[in-house]
Amino acid sequence: MIVKLRGRHPRYRDLTPGQPYVVIGIEGDEFRLLNDAGRPYLYSPGLFRVLDPREPGDWVTEFGEEGERYSYPPPLNDAGFFEDFFDDKPKAVRTFWRVVNQRLATVAEVA
């Protein structure tokens, strides 16, 4: 899925209006994407216009108790994965960048 920020927002200075972003996962109905600093943060889908709604076929999708959606590629889908990533645990960091780089390369081939 590829999205584009709808417009400048003072709360989200780490995103550029008009810049396309590749969604690398969905967590609690929010989009996880790499911001302009290269950090994988969560953002409200309402901030974006969807340019390409296609999602990778390997995403594992689950729903929470209140119907919220969680979708990630299998290596990023373990409970606590992003906590480990943000705690700079080497295995999580290596796994994250391997998966994301593969995904970005795939998107670049299609574009």
C-alpha atoms as a PDB file:
ATOM      1  CA  MET A   1       0.000   0.000   0.000  1.00  0.00           C
ATOM      2  CA  ILE A   2       1.272   3.433  -0.899  1.00  0.00           C
ATOM      3  CA  VAL A   3      -0.135   6.586   0.674  1.00  0.00           C
ATOM      4  CA  LYS A   4       0.463  10.314   0.377  1.00  0.00           C
ATOM      5  CA  LEU A   5       0.140  12.883   3.164  1.00  0.00           C
ATOM      6  CA  ARG A   6      -2.892  15.069   2.477  1.00  0.00           C
ATOM      7  CA  GLY A   7      -1.358  18.297   3.735  1.00  0.00           C
ATOM      8  CA  ARG A   8       1.002  19.905   6.208  1.00  0.00           C
ATOM      9  CA  HIS A   9       0.152  19.191   9.815  1.00  0.00           C
ATOM     10  CA  PRO A  10       1.959  20.914  12.709  1.00  0.00           C
ATOM     11  CA  ARG A  11       1.880  17.735  14.801  1.00  0.00           C
ATOM     12  CA  TYR A  12       3.566  15.668  12.091  1.00  0.00           C
ATOM     13  CA  ARG A  13       6.658  17.603  11.084  1.00  0.00           C
ATOM     14  CA  ASP A  14       8.348  14.266  10.368  1.00  0.00           C
ATOM     15  CA  LEU A  15       6.181  13.793   7.248  1.00  0.00           C
ATOM     16  CA  THR A  16       6.271  15.724   3.968  1.00  0.00           C
ATOM     17  CA  PRO A  17       3.043  16.708   2.192  1.00  0.00           C
ATOM     18  CA  GLY A  18       2.772  15.116  -1.220  1.00  0.00           C
ATOM     19  CA  GLN A  19       5.512  12.580  -0.461  1.00  0.00           C
ATOM     20  CA  PRO A  20       4.506   8.967  -1.157  1.00  0.00           C
ATOM     21  CA  TYR A  21       5.065   6.567   1.741  1.00  0.00           C
ATOM     22  CA  VAL A  22       5.000   2.776   1.695  1.00  0.00           C
ATOM     23  CA  VAL A  23       2.857   1.312   4.469  1.00  0.00           C
ATOM     24  CA  ILE A  24       4.888  -1.465   6.088  1.00  0.00           C
ATOM     25  CA  GLY A  25       2.137  -2.629   8.410  1.00  0.00           C
ATOM     26  CA  ILE A  26      -1.143  -1.808  10.087  1.00  0.00           C
ATOM     27  CA  GLU A  27      -1.421  -1.781  13.861  1.00  0.00           C
ATOM     28  CA  GLY A  28      -4.620  -0.995  15.694  1.00  0.00           C
ATOM     29  CA  ASP A  29      -5.973   0.385  12.392  1.00  0.00           C
ATOM     30  CA  GLU A  30      -3.059   2.843  12.130  1.00  0.00           C
ATOM     31  CA  PHE A  31      -0.499   2.818   9.332  1.00  0.00           C
ATOM     32  CA  ARG A  32       3.100   2.029  10.199  1.00  0.00           C
ATOM     33  CA  LEU A  33       5.463   3.697   7.759  1.00  0.00           C
ATOM     34  CA  LEU A  34       8.953   5.093   7.614  1.00  0.00           C
ATOM     35  CA  ASN A  35       8.812   8.812   8.323  1.00  0.00           C
ATOM     36  CA  ASP A  36      11.275  11.333   6.887  1.00  0.00           C
ATOM     37  CA  ALA A  37      13.780  10.432   9.614  1.00  0.00           C
ATOM     38  CA  GLY A  38      13.599   6.755   8.637  1.00  0.00           C
ATOM     39  CA  ARG A  39      11.753   5.728  11.805  1.00  0.00           C
ATOM     40  CA  PRO A  40       8.825   3.258  11.617  1.00  0.00           C
ATOM     41  CA  TYR A  41       6.091   5.131  13.456  1.00  0.00           C
ATOM     42  CA  LEU A  42       2.313   4.764  13.519  1.00  0.00           C
ATOM     43  CA  TYR A  43       0.054   7.371  11.915  1.00  0.00           C
ATOM     44  CA  SER A  44      -3.683   7.793  11.528  1.00  0.00           C
ATOM     45  CA  PRO A  45      -4.946   6.718   8.095  1.00  0.00           C
ATOM     46  CA  GLY A  46      -7.000   9.936   7.984  1.00  0.00           C
ATOM     47  CA  LEU A  47      -3.791  11.890   7.396  1.00  0.00           C
ATOM     48  CA  PHE A  48      -3.263  10.183   4.045  1.00  0.00           C
ATOM     49  CA  ARG A  49      -4.739   9.654   0.627  1.00  0.00           C
ATOM     50  CA  VAL A  50      -4.270   6.093  -0.596  1.00  0.00           C
ATOM     51  CA  LEU A  51      -2.423   6.029  -3.924  1.00  0.00           C
ATOM     52  CA  ASP A  52      -2.169   2.252  -4.239  1.00  0.00           C
ATOM     53  CA  PRO A  53      -4.382   0.088  -1.995  1.00  0.00           C
ATOM     54  CA  ARG A  54      -2.630  -3.198  -2.802  1.00  0.00           C
ATOM     55  CA  GLU A  55      -1.191  -4.951   0.234  1.00  0.00           C
ATOM     56  CA  PRO A  56       1.492  -7.625   0.149  1.00  0.00           C
ATOM     57  CA  GLY A  57       0.063 -11.124  -0.074  1.00  0.00           C
ATOM     58  CA  ASP A  58       2.246 -12.356   2.777  1.00  0.00           C
ATOM     59  CA  TRP A  59       0.793 -10.061   5.433  1.00  0.00           C
ATOM     60  CA  VAL A  60      -0.725 -11.838   8.421  1.00  0.00           C
ATOM     61  CA  THR A  61      -3.960 -10.127   9.429  1.00  0.00           C
ATOM     62  CA  GLU A  62      -5.591 -10.404  12.837  1.00  0.00           C
ATOM     63  CA  PHE A  63      -8.316  -8.439  14.562  1.00  0.00           C
ATOM     64  CA  GLY A  64      -8.368  -7.224  18.149  1.00  0.00           C
ATOM     65  CA  GLU A  65     -11.224  -7.481  20.622  1.00  0.00           C
ATOM     66  CA  GLU A  66     -12.765  -4.251  19.350  1.00  0.00           C
ATOM     67  CA  GLY A  67     -12.343  -5.143  15.671  1.00  0.00           C
ATOM     68  CA  GLU A  68      -9.138  -3.164  15.172  1.00  0.00           C
ATOM     69  CA  ARG A  69      -6.870  -4.542  12.492  1.00  0.00           C
ATOM     70  CA  TYR A  70      -3.278  -5.733  12.783  1.00  0.00           C
ATOM     71  CA  SER A  71      -1.427  -6.694   9.577  1.00  0.00           C
ATOM     72  CA  TYR A  72       2.282  -7.286   9.173  1.00  0.00           C
ATOM     73  CA  PRO A  73       4.643  -9.504   7.230  1.00  0.00           C
ATOM     74  CA  PRO A  74       5.251 -12.674   9.299  1.00  0.00           C
ATOM     75  CA  PRO A  75       8.742 -11.687  10.590  1.00  0.00           C
ATOM     76  CA  LEU A  76       7.351  -8.419  12.014  1.00  0.00           C
ATOM     77  CA  ASN A  77       4.153  -9.934  13.388  1.00  0.00           C
ATOM     78  CA  ASP A  78       5.420 -11.311  16.709  1.00  0.00           C
ATOM     79  CA  ALA A  79       4.021  -9.703  19.856  1.00  0.00           C
ATOM     80  CA  GLY A  80       6.577  -7.240  21.185  1.00  0.00           C
ATOM     81  CA  PHE A  81       8.535  -7.048  17.935  1.00  0.00           C
ATOM     82  CA  PHE A  82       8.482  -3.253  17.707  1.00  0.00           C
ATOM     83  CA  GLU A  83       9.278  -2.863  21.400  1.00  0.00           C
ATOM     84  CA  ASP A  84      12.418  -4.926  20.721  1.00  0.00           C
ATOM     85  CA  PHE A  85      13.154  -2.843  17.624  1.00  0.00           C
ATOM     86  CA  PHE A  86      12.880   0.450  19.509  1.00  0.00           C
ATOM     87  CA  ASP A  87      14.981  -1.034  22.340  1.00  0.00           C
ATOM     88  CA  ASP A  88      17.678  -1.606  19.678  1.00  0.00           C
ATOM     89  CA  LYS A  89      17.778  -5.364  20.141  1.00  0.00           C
ATOM     90  CA  PRO A  90      20.070  -6.518  17.320  1.00  0.00           C
ATOM     91  CA  LYS A  91      17.925  -9.409  16.074  1.00  0.00           C
ATOM     92  CA  ALA A  92      14.820  -7.216  15.790  1.00  0.00           C
ATOM     93  CA  VAL A  93      16.741  -4.402  14.088  1.00  0.00           C
ATOM     94  CA  ARG A  94      18.310  -6.794  11.548  1.00  0.00           C
ATOM     95  CA  THR A  95      14.978  -8.493  10.859  1.00  0.00           C
ATOM     96  CA  PHE A  96      13.161  -5.182  10.449  1.00  0.00           C
ATOM     97  CA  TRP A  97      15.610  -3.721   7.943  1.00  0.00           C
ATOM     98  CA  ARG A  98      15.848  -6.962   5.967  1.00  0.00           C
ATOM     99  CA  VAL A  99      12.056  -7.171   5.601  1.00  0.00           C
ATOM    100  CA  VAL A 100      11.565  -3.456   4.904  1.00  0.00           C
ATOM    101  CA  ASN A 101      14.386  -3.275   2.368  1.00  0.00           C
ATOM    102  CA  GLN A 102      12.944  -6.269   0.514  1.00  0.00           C
ATOM    103  CA  ARG A 103       9.520  -4.615   0.484  1.00  0.00           C
ATOM    104  CA  LEU A 104      10.872  -1.265  -0.711  1.00  0.00           C
ATOM    105  CA  ALA A 105      12.820  -2.993  -3.479  1.00  0.00           C
ATOM    106  CA  THR A 106       9.631  -4.744  -4.608  1.00  0.00           C
ATOM    107  CA  VAL A 107       7.716  -1.447  -4.665  1.00  0.00           C
ATOM    108  CA  ALA A 108      10.522   0.216  -6.644  1.00  0.00           C
ATOM    109  CA  GLU A 109      10.364  -2.549  -9.264  1.00  0.00           C
ATOM    110  CA  VAL A 110       6.625  -2.003  -9.751  1.00  0.00           C
ATOM    111  CA  ALA A 111       6.853   1.812  -9.866  1.00  0.00           C
END
